[in-house]
Amino acid sequence: MGHKKQGALIVVDENDELQDLRHKGEEINADLNQQLIETIFFKNSPLHDGAMIITGDKIETAASILPISQSESLPKNFGLRHRAAMGISERTNVVAVVVSEETGVITAFHKGSFQSELDYISLKNYLAEHVR
């Protein structure tokens, strides 16, 4: 998705901490697969705005509304997806991954901090380290 500059905000919730936010999105409850993720975040899809919440091997919701961070530490070029990813990572023990629609850069957020310019392997390692 990064190579295509297809924007996305994906939250990996292994501890099922986001039950309260599930009503703020569209229920999907589908098996996790790349084709479905790409379809949901296709620019003209009605579900592409907001966050996708993944728990285990299921896509629970799409178009979910997340709290926005007010952090001054975020770079000026970070947009609303990045602020939402930071906001949810400040409040819960989840990993949020953003693919920038403008640059294709992948950034991962966890516990109020972030790592940017991730490639496939570094994202995979980041997830392995932070998702239990």
N, C-alpha and C. Protein backbone atom coordinates (compact mmCIF):
# COMPACT_ATOMS: atom_id res chain seq x y z
N MET A 1 0.83 -1.19 0.00
CA MET A 1 0.00 0.00 0.00
C MET A 1 0.87 1.25 0.00
N GLY A 2 2.03 1.17 0.65
CA GLY A 2 2.94 2.30 0.67
C GLY A 2 3.43 2.65 -0.72
N HIS A 3 3.75 1.62 -1.52
CA HIS A 3 4.23 1.86 -2.88
C HIS A 3 3.15 2.52 -3.74
N LYS A 4 1.89 2.21 -3.46
CA LYS A 4 0.77 2.77 -4.22
C LYS A 4 0.30 4.11 -3.66
N LYS A 5 0.89 4.53 -2.52
CA LYS A 5 0.44 5.72 -1.80
C LYS A 5 -1.05 5.63 -1.47
N GLN A 6 -1.44 4.44 -1.03
CA GLN A 6 -2.82 4.18 -0.63
C GLN A 6 -2.90 4.36 0.88
N GLY A 7 -3.49 5.47 1.31
CA GLY A 7 -3.54 5.81 2.72
C GLY A 7 -4.31 4.79 3.54
N ALA A 8 -3.86 4.60 4.78
CA ALA A 8 -4.52 3.64 5.68
C ALA A 8 -4.20 3.97 7.13
N LEU A 9 -5.11 3.58 8.00
CA LEU A 9 -4.91 3.63 9.45
C LEU A 9 -5.43 2.31 10.00
N ILE A 10 -4.50 1.48 10.46
CA ILE A 10 -4.84 0.14 10.95
C ILE A 10 -4.40 0.03 12.40
N VAL A 11 -5.32 -0.39 13.26
CA VAL A 11 -5.04 -0.56 14.68
C VAL A 11 -5.08 -2.04 15.01
N VAL A 12 -3.99 -2.53 15.59
CA VAL A 12 -3.90 -3.93 15.99
C VAL A 12 -4.15 -3.98 17.49
N ASP A 13 -5.26 -4.58 17.86
CA ASP A 13 -5.74 -4.61 19.25
C ASP A 13 -5.74 -6.04 19.76
N GLU A 14 -4.58 -6.53 20.17
CA GLU A 14 -4.46 -7.92 20.62
C GLU A 14 -5.15 -8.17 21.96
N ASN A 15 -5.31 -7.16 22.78
CA ASN A 15 -5.88 -7.35 24.12
C ASN A 15 -7.35 -6.96 24.19
N ASP A 16 -7.96 -6.71 23.04
CA ASP A 16 -9.38 -6.37 22.96
C ASP A 16 -9.72 -5.16 23.83
N GLU A 17 -8.84 -4.14 23.79
CA GLU A 17 -9.03 -2.93 24.59
C GLU A 17 -10.01 -1.94 23.97
N LEU A 18 -10.33 -2.11 22.72
CA LEU A 18 -11.10 -1.09 22.00
C LEU A 18 -12.57 -1.43 21.84
N GLN A 19 -13.10 -2.27 22.70
CA GLN A 19 -14.52 -2.63 22.60
C GLN A 19 -15.41 -1.40 22.62
N ASP A 20 -15.06 -0.40 23.41
CA ASP A 20 -15.88 0.82 23.51
C ASP A 20 -15.90 1.62 22.21
N LEU A 21 -14.87 1.45 21.37
CA LEU A 21 -14.80 2.20 20.12
C LEU A 21 -15.45 1.48 18.95
N ARG A 22 -15.78 0.22 19.13
CA ARG A 22 -16.30 -0.57 18.01
C ARG A 22 -17.62 -0.02 17.49
N HIS A 23 -18.43 0.56 18.37
CA HIS A 23 -19.71 1.11 17.92
C HIS A 23 -19.51 2.39 17.10
N LYS A 24 -18.29 2.93 17.09
CA LYS A 24 -17.99 4.14 16.33
C LYS A 24 -17.42 3.82 14.95
N GLY A 25 -17.69 2.62 14.47
CA GLY A 25 -17.23 2.20 13.14
C GLY A 25 -18.22 1.24 12.53
N GLU A 26 -17.90 0.78 11.34
CA GLU A 26 -18.75 -0.19 10.64
C GLU A 26 -18.23 -1.60 10.93
N GLU A 27 -19.10 -2.45 11.43
CA GLU A 27 -18.71 -3.82 11.75
C GLU A 27 -18.38 -4.57 10.46
N ILE A 28 -17.23 -5.23 10.46
CA ILE A 28 -16.79 -6.02 9.32
C ILE A 28 -16.79 -7.50 9.70
N ASN A 29 -16.11 -7.84 10.81
CA ASN A 29 -16.02 -9.21 11.32
C ASN A 29 -15.66 -10.21 10.22
N ALA A 30 -14.52 -9.96 9.56
CA ALA A 30 -14.06 -10.82 8.47
C ALA A 30 -12.66 -11.32 8.76
N ASP A 31 -12.33 -12.45 8.15
CA ASP A 31 -10.98 -12.97 8.27
C ASP A 31 -10.00 -11.97 7.68
N LEU A 32 -8.86 -11.86 8.31
CA LEU A 32 -7.82 -10.94 7.89
C LEU A 32 -7.23 -11.39 6.56
N ASN A 33 -7.25 -10.48 5.58
CA ASN A 33 -6.56 -10.77 4.33
C ASN A 33 -6.21 -9.46 3.61
N GLN A 34 -5.11 -9.51 2.90
CA GLN A 34 -4.55 -8.32 2.26
C GLN A 34 -5.51 -7.70 1.25
N GLN A 35 -6.15 -8.51 0.46
CA GLN A 35 -7.05 -7.99 -0.57
C GLN A 35 -8.21 -7.19 0.03
N LEU A 36 -8.77 -7.67 1.13
CA LEU A 36 -9.87 -6.96 1.78
C LEU A 36 -9.37 -5.64 2.37
N ILE A 37 -8.19 -5.66 2.99
CA ILE A 37 -7.63 -4.42 3.55
C ILE A 37 -7.45 -3.39 2.44
N GLU A 38 -6.87 -3.79 1.32
CA GLU A 38 -6.66 -2.86 0.21
C GLU A 38 -7.98 -2.36 -0.36
N THR A 39 -8.98 -3.20 -0.41
CA THR A 39 -10.30 -2.80 -0.92
C THR A 39 -10.95 -1.78 0.01
N ILE A 40 -10.87 -2.02 1.30
CA ILE A 40 -11.47 -1.09 2.26
C ILE A 40 -10.81 0.28 2.19
N PHE A 41 -9.47 0.32 2.03
CA PHE A 41 -8.77 1.60 2.00
C PHE A 41 -8.63 2.18 0.59
N PHE A 42 -9.28 1.58 -0.40
CA PHE A 42 -9.30 2.17 -1.74
C PHE A 42 -9.95 3.55 -1.63
N LYS A 43 -9.35 4.53 -2.27
CA LYS A 43 -9.75 5.93 -2.08
C LYS A 43 -11.25 6.19 -2.26
N ASN A 44 -11.91 5.49 -3.15
CA ASN A 44 -13.33 5.74 -3.39
C ASN A 44 -14.25 4.85 -2.55
N SER A 45 -13.67 4.02 -1.70
CA SER A 45 -14.49 3.16 -0.84
C SER A 45 -15.16 4.00 0.24
N PRO A 46 -16.41 3.72 0.56
CA PRO A 46 -17.07 4.47 1.63
C PRO A 46 -16.48 4.20 3.01
N LEU A 47 -15.64 3.18 3.13
CA LEU A 47 -15.04 2.83 4.42
C LEU A 47 -13.60 3.28 4.57
N HIS A 48 -13.04 3.99 3.59
CA HIS A 48 -11.60 4.28 3.62
C HIS A 48 -11.21 5.34 4.65
N ASP A 49 -12.13 6.18 5.06
CA ASP A 49 -11.83 7.16 6.10
C ASP A 49 -11.99 6.50 7.46
N GLY A 50 -11.15 6.89 8.40
CA GLY A 50 -11.21 6.31 9.73
C GLY A 50 -10.28 5.13 9.84
N ALA A 51 -10.36 4.42 10.95
CA ALA A 51 -9.43 3.34 11.26
C ALA A 51 -10.07 1.97 11.07
N MET A 52 -9.22 1.03 10.70
CA MET A 52 -9.59 -0.38 10.69
C MET A 52 -9.06 -0.96 12.01
N ILE A 53 -9.90 -1.70 12.71
CA ILE A 53 -9.47 -2.34 13.95
C ILE A 53 -9.38 -3.84 13.71
N ILE A 54 -8.18 -4.37 14.00
CA ILE A 54 -7.91 -5.79 13.84
C ILE A 54 -7.67 -6.39 15.22
N THR A 55 -8.37 -7.48 15.51
CA THR A 55 -8.15 -8.23 16.74
C THR A 55 -7.89 -9.68 16.34
N GLY A 56 -6.72 -10.18 16.74
CA GLY A 56 -6.35 -11.54 16.36
C GLY A 56 -6.24 -11.63 14.85
N ASP A 57 -6.97 -12.56 14.25
CA ASP A 57 -6.93 -12.74 12.80
C ASP A 57 -8.22 -12.25 12.14
N LYS A 58 -8.90 -11.28 12.81
CA LYS A 58 -10.17 -10.75 12.30
C LYS A 58 -10.10 -9.24 12.10
N ILE A 59 -10.66 -8.79 11.01
CA ILE A 59 -10.92 -7.37 10.81
C ILE A 59 -12.25 -7.11 11.48
N GLU A 60 -12.22 -6.43 12.62
CA GLU A 60 -13.43 -6.21 13.41
C GLU A 60 -14.28 -5.08 12.83
N THR A 61 -13.65 -3.92 12.62
CA THR A 61 -14.39 -2.76 12.11
C THR A 61 -13.55 -1.99 11.11
N ALA A 62 -14.23 -1.14 10.36
CA ALA A 62 -13.58 -0.17 9.48
C ALA A 62 -14.29 1.16 9.67
N ALA A 63 -13.66 2.22 9.23
CA ALA A 63 -14.21 3.58 9.35
C ALA A 63 -14.47 3.95 10.81
N SER A 64 -13.63 3.43 11.71
CA SER A 64 -13.78 3.72 13.14
C SER A 64 -13.19 5.08 13.48
N ILE A 65 -13.87 5.78 14.38
CA ILE A 65 -13.43 7.10 14.83
C ILE A 65 -12.55 6.92 16.06
N LEU A 66 -11.36 7.51 16.02
CA LEU A 66 -10.41 7.42 17.14
C LEU A 66 -10.19 8.79 17.76
N PRO A 67 -9.76 8.80 19.03
CA PRO A 67 -9.42 10.08 19.66
C PRO A 67 -8.17 10.68 19.01
N ILE A 68 -8.12 11.99 18.92
CA ILE A 68 -7.01 12.70 18.28
C ILE A 68 -6.02 13.17 19.33
N SER A 69 -4.73 12.99 19.04
CA SER A 69 -3.69 13.46 19.94
C SER A 69 -3.51 14.97 19.81
N GLN A 70 -3.21 15.59 20.92
CA GLN A 70 -2.87 17.01 20.93
C GLN A 70 -1.37 17.21 21.09
N SER A 71 -0.60 16.14 20.94
CA SER A 71 0.84 16.17 21.16
C SER A 71 1.53 17.18 20.25
N GLU A 72 2.42 17.93 20.84
CA GLU A 72 3.24 18.90 20.10
C GLU A 72 4.45 18.22 19.46
N SER A 73 4.71 16.97 19.83
CA SER A 73 5.91 16.28 19.35
C SER A 73 5.75 15.70 17.95
N LEU A 74 4.54 15.69 17.42
CA LEU A 74 4.34 15.14 16.08
C LEU A 74 4.86 16.12 15.03
N PRO A 75 5.51 15.59 14.01
CA PRO A 75 5.99 16.47 12.93
C PRO A 75 4.83 17.20 12.25
N LYS A 76 5.11 18.38 11.75
CA LYS A 76 4.08 19.22 11.11
C LYS A 76 3.46 18.55 9.88
N ASN A 77 4.22 17.68 9.22
CA ASN A 77 3.69 17.04 8.01
C ASN A 77 2.78 15.86 8.31
N PHE A 78 2.63 15.48 9.58
CA PHE A 78 1.71 14.41 9.94
C PHE A 78 0.29 14.94 9.89
N GLY A 79 -0.60 14.17 9.28
CA GLY A 79 -1.99 14.57 9.14
C GLY A 79 -2.89 13.95 10.20
N LEU A 80 -4.18 13.97 9.90
CA LEU A 80 -5.19 13.50 10.85
C LEU A 80 -5.07 12.01 11.16
N ARG A 81 -4.72 11.19 10.16
CA ARG A 81 -4.53 9.76 10.44
C ARG A 81 -3.42 9.57 11.47
N HIS A 82 -2.34 10.31 11.31
CA HIS A 82 -1.22 10.20 12.25
C HIS A 82 -1.64 10.66 13.65
N ARG A 83 -2.40 11.75 13.72
CA ARG A 83 -2.85 12.26 15.03
C ARG A 83 -3.80 11.26 15.70
N ALA A 84 -4.62 10.59 14.91
CA ALA A 84 -5.52 9.57 15.47
C ALA A 84 -4.72 8.35 15.94
N ALA A 85 -3.71 7.96 15.17
CA ALA A 85 -2.87 6.82 15.57
C ALA A 85 -2.14 7.14 16.87
N MET A 86 -1.59 8.34 16.97
CA MET A 86 -0.92 8.74 18.20
C MET A 86 -1.92 8.79 19.35
N GLY A 87 -3.11 9.35 19.10
CA GLY A 87 -4.13 9.46 20.15
C GLY A 87 -4.52 8.13 20.74
N ILE A 88 -4.74 7.12 19.89
CA ILE A 88 -5.15 5.82 20.42
C ILE A 88 -3.98 5.13 21.10
N SER A 89 -2.76 5.37 20.61
CA SER A 89 -1.59 4.74 21.24
C SER A 89 -1.25 5.39 22.58
N GLU A 90 -1.64 6.63 22.78
CA GLU A 90 -1.43 7.30 24.06
C GLU A 90 -2.38 6.77 25.13
N ARG A 91 -3.55 6.29 24.72
CA ARG A 91 -4.60 5.90 25.66
C ARG A 91 -4.69 4.39 25.90
N THR A 92 -4.15 3.60 24.99
CA THR A 92 -4.29 2.14 25.08
C THR A 92 -2.98 1.46 24.71
N ASN A 93 -2.94 0.16 24.92
CA ASN A 93 -1.75 -0.63 24.59
C ASN A 93 -1.96 -1.33 23.25
N VAL A 94 -2.15 -0.55 22.20
CA VAL A 94 -2.33 -1.09 20.86
C VAL A 94 -1.18 -0.60 19.98
N VAL A 95 -1.10 -1.18 18.80
CA VAL A 95 -0.19 -0.67 17.79
C VAL A 95 -1.05 -0.12 16.67
N ALA A 96 -0.75 1.11 16.26
CA ALA A 96 -1.47 1.73 15.15
C ALA A 96 -0.47 1.96 14.02
N VAL A 97 -0.86 1.60 12.82
CA VAL A 97 0.00 1.73 11.65
C VAL A 97 -0.67 2.67 10.66
N VAL A 98 0.10 3.66 10.20
CA VAL A 98 -0.41 4.63 9.22
C VAL A 98 0.41 4.52 7.95
N VAL A 99 -0.29 4.46 6.82
CA VAL A 99 0.33 4.61 5.52
C VAL A 99 -0.09 5.98 5.01
N SER A 100 0.87 6.85 4.77
CA SER A 100 0.56 8.19 4.30
C SER A 100 0.07 8.16 2.87
N GLU A 101 -1.08 8.78 2.65
CA GLU A 101 -1.65 8.88 1.31
C GLU A 101 -0.82 9.79 0.41
N GLU A 102 -0.15 10.75 1.00
CA GLU A 102 0.62 11.72 0.23
C GLU A 102 2.02 11.22 -0.13
N THR A 103 2.67 10.50 0.81
CA THR A 103 4.06 10.10 0.60
C THR A 103 4.26 8.59 0.49
N GLY A 104 3.31 7.80 0.98
CA GLY A 104 3.47 6.35 1.02
C GLY A 104 4.31 5.87 2.19
N VAL A 105 4.78 6.79 3.03
CA VAL A 105 5.61 6.43 4.18
C VAL A 105 4.77 5.71 5.23
N ILE A 106 5.35 4.64 5.78
CA ILE A 106 4.67 3.86 6.81
C ILE A 106 5.23 4.24 8.17
N THR A 107 4.31 4.54 9.11
CA THR A 107 4.68 4.92 10.48
C THR A 107 3.88 4.05 11.44
N ALA A 108 4.56 3.55 12.47
CA ALA A 108 3.88 2.75 13.50
C ALA A 108 3.94 3.48 14.84
N PHE A 109 2.85 3.38 15.59
CA PHE A 109 2.70 4.07 16.88
C PHE A 109 2.43 3.05 17.97
N HIS A 110 3.04 3.25 19.13
CA HIS A 110 2.81 2.38 20.28
C HIS A 110 3.17 3.15 21.55
N LYS A 111 2.26 3.16 22.52
CA LYS A 111 2.46 3.82 23.82
C LYS A 111 2.94 5.26 23.68
N GLY A 112 2.34 5.99 22.75
CA GLY A 112 2.64 7.41 22.63
C GLY A 112 3.95 7.75 21.93
N SER A 113 4.59 6.77 21.33
CA SER A 113 5.79 7.06 20.54
C SER A 113 5.60 6.47 19.15
N PHE A 114 6.49 6.82 18.24
CA PHE A 114 6.32 6.34 16.88
C PHE A 114 7.67 6.08 16.22
N GLN A 115 7.61 5.24 15.20
CA GLN A 115 8.76 4.97 14.35
C GLN A 115 8.29 5.13 12.92
N SER A 116 9.02 5.92 12.15
CA SER A 116 8.58 6.26 10.80
C SER A 116 9.52 5.69 9.75
N GLU A 117 9.08 5.79 8.51
CA GLU A 117 9.83 5.33 7.34
C GLU A 117 10.16 3.84 7.43
N LEU A 118 9.16 3.06 7.82
CA LEU A 118 9.32 1.62 7.93
C LEU A 118 9.13 0.97 6.57
N ASP A 119 9.93 -0.05 6.29
CA ASP A 119 9.69 -0.88 5.12
C ASP A 119 8.99 -2.15 5.60
N TYR A 120 8.74 -3.07 4.70
CA TYR A 120 7.99 -4.28 5.04
C TYR A 120 8.66 -5.04 6.19
N ILE A 121 9.96 -5.26 6.09
CA ILE A 121 10.66 -6.05 7.10
C ILE A 121 10.70 -5.33 8.45
N SER A 122 10.99 -4.02 8.45
CA SER A 122 11.04 -3.30 9.72
C SER A 122 9.65 -3.20 10.35
N LEU A 123 8.59 -3.08 9.54
CA LEU A 123 7.23 -3.09 10.10
C LEU A 123 6.91 -4.45 10.70
N LYS A 124 7.27 -5.50 10.01
CA LYS A 124 7.05 -6.86 10.52
C LYS A 124 7.77 -7.05 11.86
N ASN A 125 9.01 -6.58 11.95
CA ASN A 125 9.77 -6.67 13.20
C ASN A 125 9.14 -5.83 14.30
N TYR A 126 8.68 -4.63 13.96
CA TYR A 126 8.03 -3.73 14.93
C TYR A 126 6.78 -4.41 15.50
N LEU A 127 5.97 -4.98 14.63
CA LEU A 127 4.76 -5.67 15.08
C LEU A 127 5.10 -6.87 15.95
N ALA A 128 6.11 -7.63 15.56
CA ALA A 128 6.51 -8.79 16.36
C ALA A 128 6.97 -8.38 17.76
N GLU A 129 7.61 -7.22 17.85
CA GLU A 129 8.10 -6.73 19.13
C GLU A 129 6.99 -6.19 20.03
N HIS A 130 5.99 -5.54 19.43
CA HIS A 130 5.00 -4.81 20.22
C HIS A 130 3.63 -5.47 20.31
N VAL A 131 3.34 -6.44 19.47
CA VAL A 131 2.05 -7.12 19.51
C VAL A 131 2.29 -8.49 20.12
N ARG A 132 1.63 -8.76 21.19
CA ARG A 132 1.84 -10.03 21.91
C ARG A 132 0.68 -10.96 21.64
